[in-house]
PDB file of N, CA and C in Angstrom:
ATOM      1  N   UNK A   1     -13.453  23.037  59.206  1.00  0.00           N
ATOM      2  CA  UNK A   1     -13.482  23.724  57.580  1.00  0.00           C
ATOM      3  C   UNK A   1     -14.513  24.746  58.227  1.00  0.00           C
ATOM      4  N   UNK A   2     -14.543  26.325  58.572  1.00  0.00           N
ATOM      5  CA  UNK A   2     -15.475  26.967  58.340  1.00  0.00           C
ATOM      6  C   UNK A   2     -17.085  26.453  57.892  1.00  0.00           C
ATOM      7  N   UNK A   3     -17.564  27.293  58.159  1.00  0.00           N
ATOM      8  CA  UNK A   3     -19.845  27.092  57.808  1.00  0.00           C
ATOM      9  C   UNK A   3     -18.790  27.414  57.138  1.00  0.00           C
ATOM     10  N   UNK A   4     -18.538  28.835  56.538  1.00  0.00           N
ATOM     11  CA  UNK A   4     -18.691  29.859  55.698  1.00  0.00           C
ATOM     12  C   UNK A   4     -18.527  29.348  54.673  1.00  0.00           C
ATOM     13  N   UNK A   5     -16.557  28.367  54.171  1.00  0.00           N
ATOM     14  CA  UNK A   5     -16.237  27.270  54.094  1.00  0.00           C
ATOM     15  C   UNK A   5     -17.188  26.036  53.638  1.00  0.00           C
ATOM     16  N   UNK A   6     -17.810  25.389  53.955  1.00  0.00           N
ATOM     17  CA  UNK A   6     -17.950  24.867  53.844  1.00  0.00           C
ATOM     18  C   UNK A   6     -19.981  25.032  52.337  1.00  0.00           C
ATOM     19  N   UNK A   7     -19.795  26.041  53.615  1.00  0.00           N
ATOM     20  CA  UNK A   7     -21.210  26.925  52.355  1.00  0.00           C
ATOM     21  C   UNK A   7     -20.452  26.749  50.452  1.00  0.00           C
ATOM     22  N   UNK A   8     -20.047  27.539  50.670  1.00  0.00           N
ATOM     23  CA  UNK A   8     -19.092  27.679  49.150  1.00  0.00           C
ATOM     24  C   UNK A   8     -18.374  26.985  48.471  1.00  0.00           C
ATOM     25  N   UNK A   9     -18.419  24.990  49.503  1.00  0.00           N
ATOM     26  CA  UNK A   9     -17.877  23.541  49.309  1.00  0.00           C
ATOM     27  C   UNK A   9     -18.971  23.401  48.485  1.00  0.00           C
ATOM     28  N   UNK A  10     -20.199  23.382  48.833  1.00  0.00           N
ATOM     29  CA  UNK A  10     -21.548  22.212  48.840  1.00  0.00           C
ATOM     30  C   UNK A  10     -22.055  23.681  47.298  1.00  0.00           C
ATOM     31  N   UNK A  11     -21.372  24.378  47.036  1.00  0.00           N
ATOM     32  CA  UNK A  11     -22.190  25.267  46.024  1.00  0.00           C
ATOM     33  C   UNK A  11     -20.924  24.665  44.547  1.00  0.00           C
ATOM     34  N   UNK A  12     -19.329  25.283  45.068  1.00  0.00           N
ATOM     35  CA  UNK A  12     -18.699  24.500  44.208  1.00  0.00           C
ATOM     36  C   UNK A  12     -18.759  22.719  42.829  1.00  0.00           C
ATOM     37  N   UNK A  13     -18.357  22.260  44.460  1.00  0.00           N
ATOM     38  CA  UNK A  13     -18.435  20.819  43.912  1.00  0.00           C
ATOM     39  C   UNK A  13     -19.841  20.714  42.994  1.00  0.00           C
ATOM     40  N   UNK A  14     -21.408  20.643  42.746  1.00  0.00           N
ATOM     41  CA  UNK A  14     -22.451  20.951  42.070  1.00  0.00           C
ATOM     42  C   UNK A  14     -21.986  21.726  40.596  1.00  0.00           C
ATOM     43  N   UNK A  15     -21.129  23.135  40.866  1.00  0.00           N
ATOM     44  CA  UNK A  15     -21.442  23.895  40.270  1.00  0.00           C
ATOM     45  C   UNK A  15     -20.041  22.644  38.971  1.00  0.00           C
ATOM     46  N   UNK A  16     -19.446  22.685  39.419  1.00  0.00           N
ATOM     47  CA  UNK A  16     -18.331  21.879  38.707  1.00  0.00           C
ATOM     48  C   UNK A  16     -18.463  20.466  37.659  1.00  0.00           C
ATOM     49  N   UNK A  17     -18.903  19.866  38.159  1.00  0.00           N
ATOM     50  CA  UNK A  17     -19.375  18.486  38.153  1.00  0.00           C
ATOM     51  C   UNK A  17     -20.923  19.203  37.068  1.00  0.00           C
ATOM     52  N   UNK A  18     -21.770  19.799  37.483  1.00  0.00           N
ATOM     53  CA  UNK A  18     -22.469  20.353  35.698  1.00  0.00           C
ATOM     54  C   UNK A  18     -21.895  21.334  34.298  1.00  0.00           C
ATOM     55  N   UNK A  19     -21.081  22.398  34.833  1.00  0.00           N
ATOM     56  CA  UNK A  19     -20.191  22.241  34.326  1.00  0.00           C
ATOM     57  C   UNK A  19     -18.777  21.527  33.138  1.00  0.00           C
ATOM     58  N   UNK A  20     -18.709  20.229  33.440  1.00  0.00           N
ATOM     59  CA  UNK A  20     -18.437  19.227  33.025  1.00  0.00           C
ATOM     60  C   UNK A  20     -19.650  18.908  32.142  1.00  0.00           C
ATOM     61  N   UNK A  21     -20.430  18.782  33.387  1.00  0.00           N
ATOM     62  CA  UNK A  21     -21.067  17.864  31.931  1.00  0.00           C
ATOM     63  C   UNK A  21     -21.823  18.482  30.699  1.00  0.00           C
ATOM     64  N   UNK A  22     -22.254  19.818  31.187  1.00  0.00           N
ATOM     65  CA  UNK A  22     -22.966  20.406  29.940  1.00  0.00           C
ATOM     66  C   UNK A  22     -21.712  21.025  28.700  1.00  0.00           C
ATOM     67  N   UNK A  23     -20.481  20.792  28.844  1.00  0.00           N
ATOM     68  CA  UNK A  23     -19.753  20.812  28.096  1.00  0.00           C
ATOM     69  C   UNK A  23     -19.096  19.355  27.785  1.00  0.00           C
ATOM     70  N   UNK A  24     -18.685  18.286  27.917  1.00  0.00           N
ATOM     71  CA  UNK A  24     -19.012  16.880  27.648  1.00  0.00           C
ATOM     72  C   UNK A  24     -20.160  17.594  25.949  1.00  0.00           C
ATOM     73  N   UNK A  25     -21.700  17.608  27.262  1.00  0.00           N
ATOM     74  CA  UNK A  25     -22.841  17.168  25.739  1.00  0.00           C
ATOM     75  C   UNK A  25     -22.924  17.747  24.351  1.00  0.00           C
ATOM     76  N   UNK A  26     -21.864  19.008  24.988  1.00  0.00           N
ATOM     77  CA  UNK A  26     -21.593  20.294  23.964  1.00  0.00           C
ATOM     78  C   UNK A  26     -20.964  19.301  22.892  1.00  0.00           C
ATOM     79  N   UNK A  27     -20.013  18.801  23.554  1.00  0.00           N
ATOM     80  CA  UNK A  27     -18.654  18.024  21.965  1.00  0.00           C
ATOM     81  C   UNK A  27     -19.426  17.209  21.773  1.00  0.00           C
ATOM     82  N   UNK A  28     -20.117  16.012  22.509  1.00  0.00           N
ATOM     83  CA  UNK A  28     -20.827  15.408  21.752  1.00  0.00           C
ATOM     84  C   UNK A  28     -21.837  15.636  20.458  1.00  0.00           C
ATOM     85  N   UNK A  29     -22.512  16.774  20.793  1.00  0.00           N
ATOM     86  CA  UNK A  29     -23.583  17.680  20.043  1.00  0.00           C
ATOM     87  C   UNK A  29     -23.003  18.223  18.527  1.00  0.00           C
ATOM     88  N   UNK A  30     -21.715  18.641  19.181  1.00  0.00           N
ATOM     89  CA  UNK A  30     -20.509  19.318  17.797  1.00  0.00           C
ATOM     90  C   UNK A  30     -20.698  18.023  16.990  1.00  0.00           C
ATOM     91  N   UNK A  31     -19.598  16.720  17.693  1.00  0.00           N
ATOM     92  CA  UNK A  31     -19.792  15.460  16.907  1.00  0.00           C
ATOM     93  C   UNK A  31     -20.514  15.216  16.193  1.00  0.00           C
ATOM     94  N   UNK A  32     -21.420  15.819  16.691  1.00  0.00           N
ATOM     95  CA  UNK A  32     -22.728  14.364  15.700  1.00  0.00           C
ATOM     96  C   UNK A  32     -23.467  15.259  14.314  1.00  0.00           C
ATOM     97  N   UNK A  33     -22.995  16.611  14.937  1.00  0.00           N
ATOM     98  CA  UNK A  33     -22.515  17.332  13.891  1.00  0.00           C
ATOM     99  C   UNK A  33     -22.474  17.119  12.549  1.00  0.00           C
ATOM    100  N   UNK A  34     -21.479  17.318  13.076  1.00  0.00           N
ATOM    101  CA  UNK A  34     -20.337  17.398  12.337  1.00  0.00           C
ATOM    102  C   UNK A  34     -20.832  15.443  11.804  1.00  0.00           C
ATOM    103  N   UNK A  35     -20.781  15.240  12.035  1.00  0.00           N
ATOM    104  CA  UNK A  35     -20.840  13.446  11.908  1.00  0.00           C
ATOM    105  C   UNK A  35     -22.241  13.810  10.298  1.00  0.00           C
ATOM    106  N   UNK A  36     -22.857  14.296  10.680  1.00  0.00           N
ATOM    107  CA  UNK A  36     -24.549  14.896   9.979  1.00  0.00           C
ATOM    108  C   UNK A  36     -23.589  15.473   8.119  1.00  0.00           C
ATOM    109  N   UNK A  37     -22.871  16.389   8.853  1.00  0.00           N
ATOM    110  CA  UNK A  37     -22.727  17.346   7.405  1.00  0.00           C
ATOM    111  C   UNK A  37     -22.344  16.344   6.219  1.00  0.00           C
ATOM    112  N   UNK A  38     -20.799  15.687   7.462  1.00  0.00           N
ATOM    113  CA  UNK A  38     -20.045  14.605   6.503  1.00  0.00           C
ATOM    114  C   UNK A  38     -21.016  13.548   5.919  1.00  0.00           C
ATOM    115  N   UNK A  39     -22.373  13.295   6.007  1.00  0.00           N
ATOM    116  CA  UNK A  39     -22.753  12.313   5.362  1.00  0.00           C
ATOM    117  C   UNK A  39     -22.586  13.559   4.215  1.00  0.00           C
ATOM    118  N   UNK A  40     -24.088  14.369   4.589  1.00  0.00           N
ATOM    119  CA  UNK A  40     -24.791  15.461   3.693  1.00  0.00           C
ATOM    120  C   UNK A  40     -23.731  15.693   2.954  1.00  0.00           C
ATOM    121  N   UNK A  41     -22.855  15.551   2.796  1.00  0.00           N
ATOM    122  CA  UNK A  41     -20.809  16.363   1.396  1.00  0.00           C
ATOM    123  C   UNK A  41     -20.865  15.144   0.961  1.00  0.00           C
ATOM    124  N   UNK A  42     -20.747  14.114   1.331  1.00  0.00           N
ATOM    125  CA  UNK A  42     -20.557  12.760   0.380  1.00  0.00           C
ATOM    126  C   UNK A  42     -21.815  12.322  -0.489  1.00  0.00           C
ATOM    127  N   UNK A  43     -22.561  12.973   0.077  1.00  0.00           N
ATOM    128  CA  UNK A  43     -24.052  12.037  -1.019  1.00  0.00           C
ATOM    129  C   UNK A  43     -24.343  13.258  -2.473  1.00  0.00           C
ATOM    130  N   UNK A  44     -23.726  14.801  -1.334  1.00  0.00           N
ATOM    131  CA  UNK A  44     -23.701  15.616  -2.396  1.00  0.00           C
ATOM    132  C   UNK A  44     -22.993  15.315  -3.700  1.00  0.00           C
ATOM    133  N   UNK A  45     -20.947  15.058  -3.488  1.00  0.00           N
ATOM    134  CA  UNK A  45     -20.780  14.542  -3.702  1.00  0.00           C
ATOM    135  C   UNK A  45     -20.749  12.884  -5.018  1.00  0.00           C
ATOM    136  N   UNK A  46     -21.675  12.435  -5.063  1.00  0.00           N
ATOM    137  CA  UNK A  46     -22.247  10.506  -5.462  1.00  0.00           C
ATOM    138  C   UNK A  46     -23.223  11.803  -6.140  1.00  0.00           C
ATOM    139  N   UNK A  47     -24.177  12.658  -5.603  1.00  0.00           N
ATOM    140  CA  UNK A  47     -24.650  13.361  -6.723  1.00  0.00           C
ATOM    141  C   UNK A  47     -24.171  14.640  -7.898  1.00  0.00           C
ATOM    142  N   UNK A  48     -23.223  14.919  -7.415  1.00  0.00           N
ATOM    143  CA  UNK A  48     -22.688  15.502  -8.846  1.00  0.00           C
ATOM    144  C   UNK A  48     -21.983  14.424  -8.899  1.00  0.00           C
ATOM    145  N   UNK A  49     -21.587  13.278  -9.210  1.00  0.00           N
ATOM    146  CA  UNK A  49     -20.689  12.644 -10.074  1.00  0.00           C
ATOM    147  C   UNK A  49     -21.947  11.822 -10.402  1.00  0.00           C
ATOM    148  N   UNK A  50     -22.528  10.866 -10.345  1.00  0.00           N
ATOM    149  CA  UNK A  50     -23.630  10.913 -11.345  1.00  0.00           C
ATOM    150  C   UNK A  50     -24.609  11.606 -12.433  1.00  0.00           C
ATOM    151  N   UNK A  51     -24.887  13.043 -12.035  1.00  0.00           N
ATOM    152  CA  UNK A  51     -24.704  13.928 -12.473  1.00  0.00           C
ATOM    153  C   UNK A  51     -24.069  14.494 -13.538  1.00  0.00           C
ATOM    154  N   UNK A  52     -23.373  14.125 -13.037  1.00  0.00           N
ATOM    155  CA  UNK A  52     -21.714  14.116 -14.023  1.00  0.00           C
ATOM    156  C   UNK A  52     -21.587  12.482 -15.664  1.00  0.00           C
ATOM    157  N   UNK A  53     -21.902  11.969 -14.601  1.00  0.00           N
ATOM    158  CA  UNK A  53     -21.927  10.651 -15.377  1.00  0.00           C
ATOM    159  C   UNK A  53     -23.113  10.849 -16.418  1.00  0.00           C
ATOM    160  N   UNK A  54     -23.844  11.572 -16.087  1.00  0.00           N
ATOM    161  CA  UNK A  54     -25.191  10.855 -16.798  1.00  0.00           C
ATOM    162  C   UNK A  54     -25.226  11.327 -17.839  1.00  0.00           C
ATOM    163  N   UNK A  55     -24.576  13.044 -17.889  1.00  0.00           N
ATOM    164  CA  UNK A  55     -24.392  14.643 -18.898  1.00  0.00           C
ATOM    165  C   UNK A  55     -24.957  15.439 -18.457  1.00  0.00           C
ATOM    166  N   UNK A  56     -26.158  15.081 -17.806  1.00  0.00           N
ATOM    167  CA  UNK A  56     -26.520  16.689 -17.098  1.00  0.00           C
ATOM    168  C   UNK A  56     -26.033  17.747 -16.130  1.00  0.00           C
ATOM    169  N   UNK A  57     -25.132  18.976 -17.342  1.00  0.00           N
ATOM    170  CA  UNK A  57     -25.375  19.286 -16.433  1.00  0.00           C
ATOM    171  C   UNK A  57     -25.385  21.650 -16.505  1.00  0.00           C
ATOM    172  N   UNK A  58     -25.512  22.604 -15.787  1.00  0.00           N
ATOM    173  CA  UNK A  58     -25.217  23.729 -15.940  1.00  0.00           C
ATOM    174  C   UNK A  58     -24.672  24.141 -17.324  1.00  0.00           C
ATOM    175  N   UNK A  59     -25.777  25.653 -17.858  1.00  0.00           N
ATOM    176  CA  UNK A  59     -24.675  26.269 -19.281  1.00  0.00           C
ATOM    177  C   UNK A  59     -23.632  26.917 -18.719  1.00  0.00           C
ATOM    178  N   UNK A  60     -22.851  26.907 -19.371  1.00  0.00           N
ATOM    179  CA  UNK A  60     -21.546  28.162 -18.704  1.00  0.00           C
ATOM    180  C   UNK A  60     -22.297  29.209 -18.114  1.00  0.00           C
ATOM    181  N   UNK A  61     -22.577  29.101 -19.121  1.00  0.00           N
ATOM    182  CA  UNK A  61     -23.194  30.736 -19.362  1.00  0.00           C
ATOM    183  C   UNK A  61     -24.513  31.701 -18.161  1.00  0.00           C
ATOM    184  N   UNK A  62     -25.488  30.000 -18.170  1.00  0.00           N
ATOM    185  CA  UNK A  62     -26.296  30.459 -17.012  1.00  0.00           C
ATOM    186  C   UNK A  62     -25.618  30.546 -15.566  1.00  0.00           C
ATOM    187  N   UNK A  63     -24.169  29.556 -15.062  1.00  0.00           N
ATOM    188  CA  UNK A  63     -23.503  29.726 -14.251  1.00  0.00           C
ATOM    189  C   UNK A  63     -23.263  30.921 -13.653  1.00  0.00           C
ATOM    190  N   UNK A  64     -22.268  31.053 -14.594  1.00  0.00           N
ATOM    191  CA  UNK A  64     -21.848  32.950 -14.806  1.00  0.00           C
ATOM    192  C   UNK A  64     -22.721  33.900 -14.413  1.00  0.00           C
ATOM    193  N   UNK A  65     -24.204  33.519 -14.326  1.00  0.00           N
ATOM    194  CA  UNK A  65     -25.080  34.606 -13.995  1.00  0.00           C
ATOM    195  C   UNK A  65     -25.787  34.620 -12.788  1.00  0.00           C
ATOM    196  N   UNK A  66     -24.724  33.548 -12.225  1.00  0.00           N
ATOM    197  CA  UNK A  66     -26.433  33.138 -10.694  1.00  0.00           C
ATOM    198  C   UNK A  66     -24.864  34.293  -9.607  1.00  0.00           C
ATOM    199  N   UNK A  67     -25.355  34.675  -8.977  1.00  0.00           N
ATOM    200  CA  UNK A  67     -25.238  35.652  -8.791  1.00  0.00           C
ATOM    201  C   UNK A  67     -25.049  35.689  -7.029  1.00  0.00           C
ATOM    202  N   UNK A  68     -27.269  35.488  -6.628  1.00  0.00           N
ATOM    203  CA  UNK A  68     -26.542  35.353  -5.914  1.00  0.00           C
ATOM    204  C   UNK A  68     -26.891  33.339  -5.046  1.00  0.00           C
ATOM    205  N   UNK A  69     -27.321  33.094  -3.765  1.00  0.00           N
ATOM    206  CA  UNK A  69     -28.228  31.987  -3.491  1.00  0.00           C
ATOM    207  C   UNK A  69     -29.304  31.031  -3.840  1.00  0.00           C
ATOM    208  N   UNK A  70     -29.982  32.092  -3.090  1.00  0.00           N
ATOM    209  CA  UNK A  70     -31.143  32.438  -3.424  1.00  0.00           C
ATOM    210  C   UNK A  70     -31.374  31.877  -5.332  1.00  0.00           C
ATOM    211  N   UNK A  71     -30.751  32.504  -6.180  1.00  0.00           N
ATOM    212  CA  UNK A  71     -30.684  32.005  -8.121  1.00  0.00           C
ATOM    213  C   UNK A  71     -30.705  30.837  -7.809  1.00  0.00           C
ATOM    214  N   UNK A  72     -29.497  30.158  -7.292  1.00  0.00           N
ATOM    215  CA  UNK A  72     -29.866  28.626  -7.168  1.00  0.00           C
ATOM    216  C   UNK A  72     -31.172  27.991  -7.756  1.00  0.00           C
ATOM    217  N   UNK A  73     -32.056  27.925  -6.647  1.00  0.00           N
ATOM    218  CA  UNK A  73     -32.842  26.984  -6.965  1.00  0.00           C
ATOM    219  C   UNK A  73     -34.387  27.395  -8.460  1.00  0.00           C
ATOM    220  N   UNK A  74     -33.985  28.540  -8.831  1.00  0.00           N
ATOM    221  CA  UNK A  74     -34.248  28.760 -10.036  1.00  0.00           C
ATOM    222  C   UNK A  74     -33.311  28.228 -11.106  1.00  0.00           C
ATOM    223  N   UNK A  75     -32.349  27.779 -11.128  1.00  0.00           N
ATOM    224  CA  UNK A  75     -31.473  27.520 -12.569  1.00  0.00           C
ATOM    225  C   UNK A  75     -32.253  26.321 -13.115  1.00  0.00           C
TER     226      UNK A  75
END
């Protein structure tokens, strides 16, 4: 193997390992965020069911007036 080829291989192998390590960590990060979102969705479903069973609900007229997400906190 020529010295030039050895120089290329000496950079290629760590780059390959680094790429797969970063990819693996990224996939783990996405999976962790997905689990957190699933937990949040379940918690919101339970809160909605609890409010419906208690009878707490937004008046239909007020719900129709909401046009921006920032207005939800004002309800």
